[in-house]
Amino acid sequence: MSKPVFYTFHLSVWSCVVELAISETGYAPDAIERKIVHLAKGANFDPEFLKINPQGTVPVLVVDGKTYVNSTDITKYIINNGPTKLDASAGDPEFVKKLHDSSIDPGVILLLVRNEKDLAQFSKTWNMEYAQNRLNALESFSKTAEGSTYKELYAETIPLNSWIVSVYKGEATEERKQELFCKSIDHWDKIATFIRTEIPTALPEAGFIGGSTPGEADFHLMAWLARVAFMAGGKPEKGGYSCFEEEIKEPVSPKLAEYWDAWTERESWKKLYSVSLH
């Protein structure tokens, strides 16, 4: 078997799913080759990367002539081939699908602004640089001969990124700004509802979905929670779940509180989120 090549970036929430799985299944440090795709510079829109994954997303895993282009398939591969065997059947597959539904996508909240306060903050911090770099890369790559192969992707993605940048810069009309506020509020409301209603139902009374140790569903859920907590001002420590309470307008489920705290004890968590959530 050839050494797997893992295309990743630390700000990719779904790459974090795979990183947790790699740690929990005991891969040696040099067992997987990592290649960084700098999302904050729009490197995922480079035609050279699009040859590997035409969707322009990470994570990607290439091994033995096969290319896996989503965290669900990659995580299954990691679990099935890792030194430490986990119960891949633990948890409801439908719950993992729900976590990846676009209506509660934790990736897009890096750029969503719900009000003037958010806008004032995002327009002066890394969020603005992130959005502008993505737009610059999209426009630049779309004009290259190599980029012509992916013109549909660019045509779909450029307007959305241009809209966000124009709002950040104060160049959008009031109507377009309010439209972004409304879409952002709706997205966060759906995330809050999921935390309040769906997650407690999916969690066991104690331990992890995978049993006494985390399993496949846990990797997806905890990376999802970490991203939402990051954007809600949380910290990677016991009690860090308290940041959810402002979003859901009530105390978090005791099961979720215990689940979060149990994760903070694990070496895989400490390794991935040692400095901060992301």
C-alpha atoms as a PDB file:
ATOM      1  CA  MET A   1       0.000   0.000   0.000  1.00  0.00           C
ATOM      2  CA  SER A   2       1.311   3.436  -0.903  1.00  0.00           C
ATOM      3  CA  LYS A   3       1.533   6.178   1.697  1.00  0.00           C
ATOM      4  CA  PRO A   4      -1.754   8.108   1.786  1.00  0.00           C
ATOM      5  CA  VAL A   5      -1.555  11.770   0.774  1.00  0.00           C
ATOM      6  CA  PHE A   6      -3.859  13.999   2.796  1.00  0.00           C
ATOM      7  CA  TYR A   7      -4.752  17.443   1.439  1.00  0.00           C
ATOM      8  CA  THR A   8      -5.810  19.595   4.362  1.00  0.00           C
ATOM      9  CA  PHE A   9      -5.948  23.025   5.985  1.00  0.00           C
ATOM     10  CA  HIS A  10      -6.360  23.891   9.656  1.00  0.00           C
ATOM     11  CA  LEU A  11      -9.359  26.185   9.035  1.00  0.00           C
ATOM     12  CA  SER A  12     -11.231  23.402   7.256  1.00  0.00           C
ATOM     13  CA  VAL A  13     -13.714  22.050   9.773  1.00  0.00           C
ATOM     14  CA  TRP A  14     -14.067  18.808   7.822  1.00  0.00           C
ATOM     15  CA  SER A  15     -10.312  18.318   7.742  1.00  0.00           C
ATOM     16  CA  CYS A  16     -10.467  18.412  11.543  1.00  0.00           C
ATOM     17  CA  VAL A  17     -12.815  15.415  11.447  1.00  0.00           C
ATOM     18  CA  VAL A  18     -10.095  13.427   9.726  1.00  0.00           C
ATOM     19  CA  GLU A  19      -7.366  14.719  12.042  1.00  0.00           C
ATOM     20  CA  LEU A  20      -9.304  13.512  15.082  1.00  0.00           C
ATOM     21  CA  ALA A  21      -9.788  10.125  13.432  1.00  0.00           C
ATOM     22  CA  ILE A  22      -6.092   9.848  12.574  1.00  0.00           C
ATOM     23  CA  SER A  23      -5.117  10.554  16.181  1.00  0.00           C
ATOM     24  CA  GLU A  24      -7.698   8.243  17.716  1.00  0.00           C
ATOM     25  CA  THR A  25      -6.827   5.331  15.436  1.00  0.00           C
ATOM     26  CA  GLY A  26      -3.136   5.492  16.280  1.00  0.00           C
ATOM     27  CA  TYR A  27      -1.421   6.262  12.983  1.00  0.00           C
ATOM     28  CA  ALA A  28       2.310   6.895  13.280  1.00  0.00           C
ATOM     29  CA  PRO A  29       3.329  10.539  12.710  1.00  0.00           C
ATOM     30  CA  ASP A  30       4.889   9.730   9.333  1.00  0.00           C
ATOM     31  CA  ALA A  31       2.236   7.264   8.145  1.00  0.00           C
ATOM     32  CA  ILE A  32       0.307   9.894   6.196  1.00  0.00           C
ATOM     33  CA  GLU A  33       1.789  12.633   4.022  1.00  0.00           C
ATOM     34  CA  ARG A  34       0.081  15.970   4.547  1.00  0.00           C
ATOM     35  CA  LYS A  35      -0.141  18.636   1.865  1.00  0.00           C
ATOM     36  CA  ILE A  36      -1.461  22.023   2.917  1.00  0.00           C
ATOM     37  CA  VAL A  37      -4.031  23.671   0.664  1.00  0.00           C
ATOM     38  CA  HIS A  38      -4.094  27.268   1.888  1.00  0.00           C
ATOM     39  CA  LEU A  39      -7.802  28.040   1.871  1.00  0.00           C
ATOM     40  CA  ALA A  40      -7.165  31.522   3.253  1.00  0.00           C
ATOM     41  CA  LYS A  41      -5.336  32.312   0.022  1.00  0.00           C
ATOM     42  CA  GLY A  42      -7.863  30.598  -2.229  1.00  0.00           C
ATOM     43  CA  ALA A  43      -5.437  27.818  -3.149  1.00  0.00           C
ATOM     44  CA  ASN A  44      -8.342  25.384  -3.371  1.00  0.00           C
ATOM     45  CA  PHE A  45      -9.445  27.211  -6.537  1.00  0.00           C
ATOM     46  CA  ASP A  46      -6.104  26.698  -8.274  1.00  0.00           C
ATOM     47  CA  PRO A  47      -6.653  24.613 -11.428  1.00  0.00           C
ATOM     48  CA  GLU A  48      -3.810  22.347 -10.308  1.00  0.00           C
ATOM     49  CA  PHE A  49      -5.740  21.451  -7.161  1.00  0.00           C
ATOM     50  CA  LEU A  50      -9.020  21.220  -9.071  1.00  0.00           C
ATOM     51  CA  LYS A  51      -7.438  18.450 -11.132  1.00  0.00           C
ATOM     52  CA  ILE A  52      -7.335  16.482  -7.875  1.00  0.00           C
ATOM     53  CA  ASN A  53     -10.743  17.557  -6.612  1.00  0.00           C
ATOM     54  CA  PRO A  54     -12.950  19.440  -9.098  1.00  0.00           C
ATOM     55  CA  GLN A  55     -15.202  20.470  -6.206  1.00  0.00           C
ATOM     56  CA  GLY A  56     -12.421  22.685  -4.874  1.00  0.00           C
ATOM     57  CA  THR A  57     -12.791  21.492  -1.283  1.00  0.00           C
ATOM     58  CA  VAL A  58     -10.656  19.861   1.376  1.00  0.00           C
ATOM     59  CA  PRO A  59     -10.096  17.370   2.837  1.00  0.00           C
ATOM     60  CA  VAL A  60      -8.926  15.064   0.078  1.00  0.00           C
ATOM     61  CA  LEU A  61      -7.181  11.733   0.498  1.00  0.00           C
ATOM     62  CA  VAL A  62      -5.277  10.049  -2.324  1.00  0.00           C
ATOM     63  CA  VAL A  63      -4.149   6.477  -1.742  1.00  0.00           C
ATOM     64  CA  ASP A  64      -3.519   3.458  -3.940  1.00  0.00           C
ATOM     65  CA  GLY A  65      -4.814   5.218  -7.035  1.00  0.00           C
ATOM     66  CA  LYS A  66      -8.108   6.244  -5.418  1.00  0.00           C
ATOM     67  CA  THR A  67      -9.171   9.779  -4.496  1.00  0.00           C
ATOM     68  CA  TYR A  68     -11.569  10.431  -1.632  1.00  0.00           C
ATOM     69  CA  VAL A  69     -13.022  13.939  -1.663  1.00  0.00           C
ATOM     70  CA  ASN A  70     -15.180  14.221   1.463  1.00  0.00           C
ATOM     71  CA  SER A  71     -14.603  13.759   5.170  1.00  0.00           C
ATOM     72  CA  THR A  72     -17.147  10.952   5.459  1.00  0.00           C
ATOM     73  CA  ASP A  73     -15.392   8.657   2.977  1.00  0.00           C
ATOM     74  CA  ILE A  74     -11.936   9.672   4.205  1.00  0.00           C
ATOM     75  CA  THR A  75     -12.817   9.033   7.841  1.00  0.00           C
ATOM     76  CA  LYS A  76     -14.188   5.607   6.977  1.00  0.00           C
ATOM     77  CA  TYR A  77     -10.918   4.804   5.216  1.00  0.00           C
ATOM     78  CA  ILE A  78      -8.894   6.011   8.202  1.00  0.00           C
ATOM     79  CA  ILE A  79     -10.953   3.903  10.612  1.00  0.00           C
ATOM     80  CA  ASN A  80     -10.880   0.805   8.445  1.00  0.00           C
ATOM     81  CA  ASN A  81      -7.120   0.934   7.951  1.00  0.00           C
ATOM     82  CA  GLY A  82      -5.863   2.366  11.244  1.00  0.00           C
ATOM     83  CA  PRO A  83      -3.732   0.471  13.782  1.00  0.00           C
ATOM     84  CA  THR A  84      -6.411   0.857  16.478  1.00  0.00           C
ATOM     85  CA  LYS A  85      -9.694  -0.703  15.468  1.00  0.00           C
ATOM     86  CA  LEU A  86     -12.880   1.208  16.233  1.00  0.00           C
ATOM     87  CA  ASP A  87     -16.515   0.213  15.962  1.00  0.00           C
ATOM     88  CA  ALA A  88     -17.345   1.842  12.642  1.00  0.00           C
ATOM     89  CA  SER A  89     -21.002   0.886  13.049  1.00  0.00           C
ATOM     90  CA  ALA A  90     -21.556   2.909  16.242  1.00  0.00           C
ATOM     91  CA  GLY A  91     -23.931   5.826  15.843  1.00  0.00           C
ATOM     92  CA  ASP A  92     -26.658   6.659  13.379  1.00  0.00           C
ATOM     93  CA  PRO A  93     -25.342   7.313   9.835  1.00  0.00           C
ATOM     94  CA  GLU A  94     -28.277   9.637   9.294  1.00  0.00           C
ATOM     95  CA  PHE A  95     -27.012  11.853  12.099  1.00  0.00           C
ATOM     96  CA  VAL A  96     -23.672  12.278  10.339  1.00  0.00           C
ATOM     97  CA  LYS A  97     -25.548  13.206   7.162  1.00  0.00           C
ATOM     98  CA  LYS A  98     -27.474  15.841   9.107  1.00  0.00           C
ATOM     99  CA  LEU A  99     -24.220  17.363  10.364  1.00  0.00           C
ATOM    100  CA  HIS A 100     -23.159  17.846   6.751  1.00  0.00           C
ATOM    101  CA  ASP A 101     -26.420  19.424   5.610  1.00  0.00           C
ATOM    102  CA  SER A 102     -25.831  22.788   3.956  1.00  0.00           C
ATOM    103  CA  SER A 103     -28.471  24.414   6.174  1.00  0.00           C
ATOM    104  CA  ILE A 104     -26.181  24.052   9.212  1.00  0.00           C
ATOM    105  CA  ASP A 105     -22.824  24.152   7.434  1.00  0.00           C
ATOM    106  CA  PRO A 106     -20.262  25.279  10.046  1.00  0.00           C
ATOM    107  CA  GLY A 107     -17.789  26.266   7.351  1.00  0.00           C
ATOM    108  CA  VAL A 108     -19.671  29.246   5.986  1.00  0.00           C
ATOM    109  CA  ILE A 109     -20.071  30.919   9.380  1.00  0.00           C
ATOM    110  CA  LEU A 110     -16.485  32.117   9.055  1.00  0.00           C
ATOM    111  CA  LEU A 111     -17.883  34.832   6.784  1.00  0.00           C
ATOM    112  CA  LEU A 112     -21.469  35.336   7.954  1.00  0.00           C
ATOM    113  CA  VAL A 113     -22.435  38.646   9.566  1.00  0.00           C
ATOM    114  CA  ARG A 114     -25.771  39.033  11.336  1.00  0.00           C
ATOM    115  CA  ASN A 115     -25.739  42.716  12.207  1.00  0.00           C
ATOM    116  CA  GLU A 116     -23.759  45.941  12.129  1.00  0.00           C
ATOM    117  CA  LYS A 117     -21.667  44.873  15.108  1.00  0.00           C
ATOM    118  CA  ASP A 118     -20.537  41.697  13.327  1.00  0.00           C
ATOM    119  CA  LEU A 119     -19.864  43.664  10.179  1.00  0.00           C
ATOM    120  CA  ALA A 120     -17.718  46.239  11.952  1.00  0.00           C
ATOM    121  CA  GLN A 121     -15.664  43.451  13.506  1.00  0.00           C
ATOM    122  CA  PHE A 122     -15.320  41.183  10.474  1.00  0.00           C
ATOM    123  CA  SER A 123     -14.423  44.008   8.113  1.00  0.00           C
ATOM    124  CA  LYS A 124     -11.366  44.864  10.231  1.00  0.00           C
ATOM    125  CA  THR A 125     -10.068  41.382  11.050  1.00  0.00           C
ATOM    126  CA  TRP A 126      -8.822  38.239   9.323  1.00  0.00           C
ATOM    127  CA  ASN A 127     -12.341  37.512   8.087  1.00  0.00           C
ATOM    128  CA  MET A 128     -12.049  40.376   5.609  1.00  0.00           C
ATOM    129  CA  GLU A 129      -8.614  39.238   4.456  1.00  0.00           C
ATOM    130  CA  TYR A 130      -9.899  35.695   4.078  1.00  0.00           C
ATOM    131  CA  ALA A 131     -12.862  36.803   1.971  1.00  0.00           C
ATOM    132  CA  GLN A 132     -10.805  39.169  -0.189  1.00  0.00           C
ATOM    133  CA  ASN A 133      -8.065  36.602  -0.806  1.00  0.00           C
ATOM    134  CA  ARG A 134     -10.631  34.038  -1.894  1.00  0.00           C
ATOM    135  CA  LEU A 135     -12.196  36.490  -4.311  1.00  0.00           C
ATOM    136  CA  ASN A 136      -8.817  37.557  -5.697  1.00  0.00           C
ATOM    137  CA  ALA A 137      -7.837  33.937  -6.274  1.00  0.00           C
ATOM    138  CA  LEU A 138     -11.143  33.076  -7.928  1.00  0.00           C
ATOM    139  CA  GLU A 139     -10.956  36.005 -10.319  1.00  0.00           C
ATOM    140  CA  SER A 140      -7.299  35.383 -11.105  1.00  0.00           C
ATOM    141  CA  PHE A 141      -7.613  31.638 -11.743  1.00  0.00           C
ATOM    142  CA  SER A 142     -10.801  32.068 -13.757  1.00  0.00           C
ATOM    143  CA  LYS A 143      -8.891  34.149 -16.307  1.00  0.00           C
ATOM    144  CA  THR A 144      -6.202  31.547 -16.961  1.00  0.00           C
ATOM    145  CA  ALA A 145      -6.220  29.070 -19.803  1.00  0.00           C
ATOM    146  CA  GLU A 146      -6.066  26.221 -17.295  1.00  0.00           C
ATOM    147  CA  GLY A 147      -9.027  27.685 -15.417  1.00  0.00           C
ATOM    148  CA  SER A 148     -11.309  27.504 -18.445  1.00  0.00           C
ATOM    149  CA  THR A 149     -11.934  23.847 -17.647  1.00  0.00           C
ATOM    150  CA  TYR A 150     -13.566  24.902 -14.383  1.00  0.00           C
ATOM    151  CA  LYS A 151     -15.480  27.942 -15.594  1.00  0.00           C
ATOM    152  CA  GLU A 152     -18.762  26.663 -14.153  1.00  0.00           C
ATOM    153  CA  LEU A 153     -17.276  26.446 -10.651  1.00  0.00           C
ATOM    154  CA  TYR A 154     -15.855  29.962 -10.926  1.00  0.00           C
ATOM    155  CA  ALA A 155     -19.090  31.346 -12.356  1.00  0.00           C
ATOM    156  CA  GLU A 156     -21.014  29.920  -9.414  1.00  0.00           C
ATOM    157  CA  THR A 157     -18.543  30.914  -6.700  1.00  0.00           C
ATOM    158  CA  ILE A 158     -17.350  34.388  -7.717  1.00  0.00           C
ATOM    159  CA  PRO A 159     -20.715  36.209  -7.308  1.00  0.00           C
ATOM    160  CA  LEU A 160     -21.208  34.891  -3.774  1.00  0.00           C
ATOM    161  CA  ASN A 161     -17.721  35.882  -2.663  1.00  0.00           C
ATOM    162  CA  SER A 162     -17.993  39.226  -4.426  1.00  0.00           C
ATOM    163  CA  TRP A 163     -21.249  39.923  -2.574  1.00  0.00           C
ATOM    164  CA  ILE A 164     -19.686  39.217   0.816  1.00  0.00           C
ATOM    165  CA  VAL A 165     -16.619  41.344   0.090  1.00  0.00           C
ATOM    166  CA  SER A 166     -18.774  44.225  -1.120  1.00  0.00           C
ATOM    167  CA  VAL A 167     -20.738  44.142   2.141  1.00  0.00           C
ATOM    168  CA  TYR A 168     -17.536  44.069   4.202  1.00  0.00           C
ATOM    169  CA  LYS A 169     -16.168  47.045   2.281  1.00  0.00           C
ATOM    170  CA  GLY A 170     -19.373  49.045   2.580  1.00  0.00           C
ATOM    171  CA  GLU A 171     -19.821  49.019  -1.199  1.00  0.00           C
ATOM    172  CA  ALA A 172     -23.034  46.975  -1.297  1.00  0.00           C
ATOM    173  CA  THR A 173     -26.474  48.537  -1.394  1.00  0.00           C
ATOM    174  CA  GLU A 174     -28.466  48.610   1.830  1.00  0.00           C
ATOM    175  CA  GLU A 175     -30.769  45.976   0.366  1.00  0.00           C
ATOM    176  CA  ARG A 176     -27.910  43.591  -0.374  1.00  0.00           C
ATOM    177  CA  LYS A 177     -26.379  44.175   3.048  1.00  0.00           C
ATOM    178  CA  GLN A 178     -29.657  43.410   4.795  1.00  0.00           C
ATOM    179  CA  GLU A 179     -30.041  40.328   2.621  1.00  0.00           C
ATOM    180  CA  LEU A 180     -26.727  39.007   3.935  1.00  0.00           C
ATOM    181  CA  PHE A 181     -27.766  39.815   7.505  1.00  0.00           C
ATOM    182  CA  CYS A 182     -31.012  37.871   7.035  1.00  0.00           C
ATOM    183  CA  LYS A 183     -29.305  34.855   5.488  1.00  0.00           C
ATOM    184  CA  SER A 184     -26.732  34.858   8.282  1.00  0.00           C
ATOM    185  CA  ILE A 185     -29.378  35.070  11.010  1.00  0.00           C
ATOM    186  CA  ASP A 186     -31.337  32.221   9.440  1.00  0.00           C
ATOM    187  CA  HIS A 187     -28.228  30.032   9.200  1.00  0.00           C
ATOM    188  CA  TRP A 188     -27.264  30.632  12.830  1.00  0.00           C
ATOM    189  CA  ASP A 189     -30.841  30.025  13.960  1.00  0.00           C
ATOM    190  CA  LYS A 190     -30.802  26.618  12.291  1.00  0.00           C
ATOM    191  CA  ILE A 191     -27.482  25.819  13.963  1.00  0.00           C
ATOM    192  CA  ALA A 192     -28.906  26.832  17.342  1.00  0.00           C
ATOM    193  CA  THR A 193     -31.966  24.629  16.816  1.00  0.00           C
ATOM    194  CA  PHE A 194     -29.731  21.693  15.920  1.00  0.00           C
ATOM    195  CA  ILE A 195     -27.687  22.154  19.093  1.00  0.00           C
ATOM    196  CA  ARG A 196     -30.811  22.466  21.213  1.00  0.00           C
ATOM    197  CA  THR A 197     -32.845  19.588  19.769  1.00  0.00           C
ATOM    198  CA  GLU A 198     -30.901  17.189  17.541  1.00  0.00           C
ATOM    199  CA  ILE A 199     -27.580  16.791  19.353  1.00  0.00           C
ATOM    200  CA  PRO A 200     -28.980  15.789  22.774  1.00  0.00           C
ATOM    201  CA  THR A 201     -31.078  13.141  21.057  1.00  0.00           C
ATOM    202  CA  ALA A 202     -28.027  11.698  19.312  1.00  0.00           C
ATOM    203  CA  LEU A 203     -25.842  11.587  22.422  1.00  0.00           C
ATOM    204  CA  PRO A 204     -25.773   8.655  24.838  1.00  0.00           C
ATOM    205  CA  GLU A 205     -26.394   9.129  28.551  1.00  0.00           C
ATOM    206  CA  ALA A 206     -22.661   8.791  29.155  1.00  0.00           C
ATOM    207  CA  GLY A 207     -19.484   8.376  27.151  1.00  0.00           C
ATOM    208  CA  PHE A 208     -19.278   8.822  23.408  1.00  0.00           C
ATOM    209  CA  ILE A 209     -21.497   7.843  20.514  1.00  0.00           C
ATOM    210  CA  GLY A 210     -18.817   5.272  19.693  1.00  0.00           C
ATOM    211  CA  GLY A 211     -18.896   3.836  23.210  1.00  0.00           C
ATOM    212  CA  SER A 212     -16.237   4.278  25.879  1.00  0.00           C
ATOM    213  CA  THR A 213     -13.981   5.898  23.268  1.00  0.00           C
ATOM    214  CA  PRO A 214     -14.896   8.140  20.342  1.00  0.00           C
ATOM    215  CA  GLY A 215     -15.992   6.611  17.051  1.00  0.00           C
ATOM    216  CA  GLU A 216     -16.842   7.746  13.554  1.00  0.00           C
ATOM    217  CA  ALA A 217     -19.882   9.886  14.400  1.00  0.00           C
ATOM    218  CA  ASP A 218     -17.994  11.509  17.279  1.00  0.00           C
ATOM    219  CA  PHE A 219     -15.257  12.811  14.980  1.00  0.00           C
ATOM    220  CA  HIS A 220     -17.798  14.564  12.776  1.00  0.00           C
ATOM    221  CA  LEU A 221     -19.802  15.936  15.674  1.00  0.00           C
ATOM    222  CA  MET A 222     -16.900  17.245  17.717  1.00  0.00           C
ATOM    223  CA  ALA A 223     -15.240  19.011  14.784  1.00  0.00           C
ATOM    224  CA  TRP A 224     -18.639  20.566  13.998  1.00  0.00           C
ATOM    225  CA  LEU A 225     -19.075  21.701  17.596  1.00  0.00           C
ATOM    226  CA  ALA A 226     -15.533  23.063  17.765  1.00  0.00           C
ATOM    227  CA  ARG A 227     -16.087  25.290  14.727  1.00  0.00           C
ATOM    228  CA  VAL A 228     -19.402  26.627  15.999  1.00  0.00           C
ATOM    229  CA  ALA A 229     -17.889  27.254  19.427  1.00  0.00           C
ATOM    230  CA  PHE A 230     -14.921  29.038  17.831  1.00  0.00           C
ATOM    231  CA  MET A 231     -17.226  31.476  16.065  1.00  0.00           C
ATOM    232  CA  ALA A 232     -19.344  31.869  19.218  1.00  0.00           C
ATOM    233  CA  GLY A 233     -16.318  32.837  21.314  1.00  0.00           C
ATOM    234  CA  GLY A 234     -15.707  29.493  23.023  1.00  0.00           C
ATOM    235  CA  LYS A 235     -12.447  28.018  24.276  1.00  0.00           C
ATOM    236  CA  PRO A 236     -11.002  24.481  24.016  1.00  0.00           C
ATOM    237  CA  GLU A 237     -11.388  23.711  27.697  1.00  0.00           C
ATOM    238  CA  LYS A 238     -13.830  22.186  30.153  1.00  0.00           C
ATOM    239  CA  GLY A 239     -16.938  24.315  30.224  1.00  0.00           C
ATOM    240  CA  GLY A 240     -16.146  25.729  26.793  1.00  0.00           C
ATOM    241  CA  TYR A 241     -19.613  24.670  25.698  1.00  0.00           C
ATOM    242  CA  SER A 242     -21.082  27.606  27.647  1.00  0.00           C
ATOM    243  CA  CYS A 243     -20.672  29.769  24.541  1.00  0.00           C
ATOM    244  CA  PHE A 244     -23.584  27.868  22.983  1.00  0.00           C
ATOM    245  CA  GLU A 245     -25.994  29.174  25.599  1.00  0.00           C
ATOM    246  CA  GLU A 246     -26.169  32.647  24.106  1.00  0.00           C
ATOM    247  CA  GLU A 247     -27.048  31.108  20.751  1.00  0.00           C
ATOM    248  CA  ILE A 248     -29.676  28.649  21.982  1.00  0.00           C
ATOM    249  CA  LYS A 249     -31.092  31.008  24.660  1.00  0.00           C
ATOM    250  CA  GLU A 250     -31.035  28.325  27.363  1.00  0.00           C
ATOM    251  CA  PRO A 251     -28.554  26.102  29.243  1.00  0.00           C
ATOM    252  CA  VAL A 252     -27.009  23.372  27.121  1.00  0.00           C
ATOM    253  CA  SER A 253     -28.134  19.807  27.595  1.00  0.00           C
ATOM    254  CA  PRO A 254     -26.300  18.068  30.475  1.00  0.00           C
ATOM    255  CA  LYS A 255     -25.413  15.325  28.011  1.00  0.00           C
ATOM    256  CA  LEU A 256     -23.756  17.839  25.698  1.00  0.00           C
ATOM    257  CA  ALA A 257     -21.895  19.423  28.610  1.00  0.00           C
ATOM    258  CA  GLU A 258     -20.504  16.043  29.715  1.00  0.00           C
ATOM    259  CA  TYR A 259     -19.692  15.119  26.141  1.00  0.00           C
ATOM    260  CA  TRP A 260     -17.703  18.325  25.549  1.00  0.00           C
ATOM    261  CA  ASP A 261     -15.767  17.952  28.791  1.00  0.00           C
ATOM    262  CA  ALA A 262     -14.970  14.299  28.042  1.00  0.00           C
ATOM    263  CA  TRP A 263     -13.459  15.321  24.700  1.00  0.00           C
ATOM    264  CA  THR A 264     -11.225  17.967  26.305  1.00  0.00           C
ATOM    265  CA  GLU A 265      -9.477  15.185  28.240  1.00  0.00           C
ATOM    266  CA  ARG A 266      -8.394  13.322  25.125  1.00  0.00           C
ATOM    267  CA  GLU A 267      -4.948  13.646  23.590  1.00  0.00           C
ATOM    268  CA  SER A 268      -6.414  13.903  20.096  1.00  0.00           C
ATOM    269  CA  TRP A 269      -8.343  17.006  21.188  1.00  0.00           C
ATOM    270  CA  LYS A 270      -5.359  18.555  22.941  1.00  0.00           C
ATOM    271  CA  LYS A 271      -3.196  17.988  19.879  1.00  0.00           C
ATOM    272  CA  LEU A 272      -5.631  19.513  17.412  1.00  0.00           C
ATOM    273  CA  TYR A 273      -6.976  22.348  19.543  1.00  0.00           C
ATOM    274  CA  SER A 274      -3.997  22.984  21.821  1.00  0.00           C
ATOM    275  CA  VAL A 275      -3.872  26.722  21.147  1.00  0.00           C
ATOM    276  CA  SER A 276      -7.446  27.576  20.246  1.00  0.00           C
ATOM    277  CA  LEU A 277     -10.567  26.300  18.575  1.00  0.00           C
ATOM    278  CA  HIS A 278     -10.808  26.759  14.825  1.00  0.00           C
END
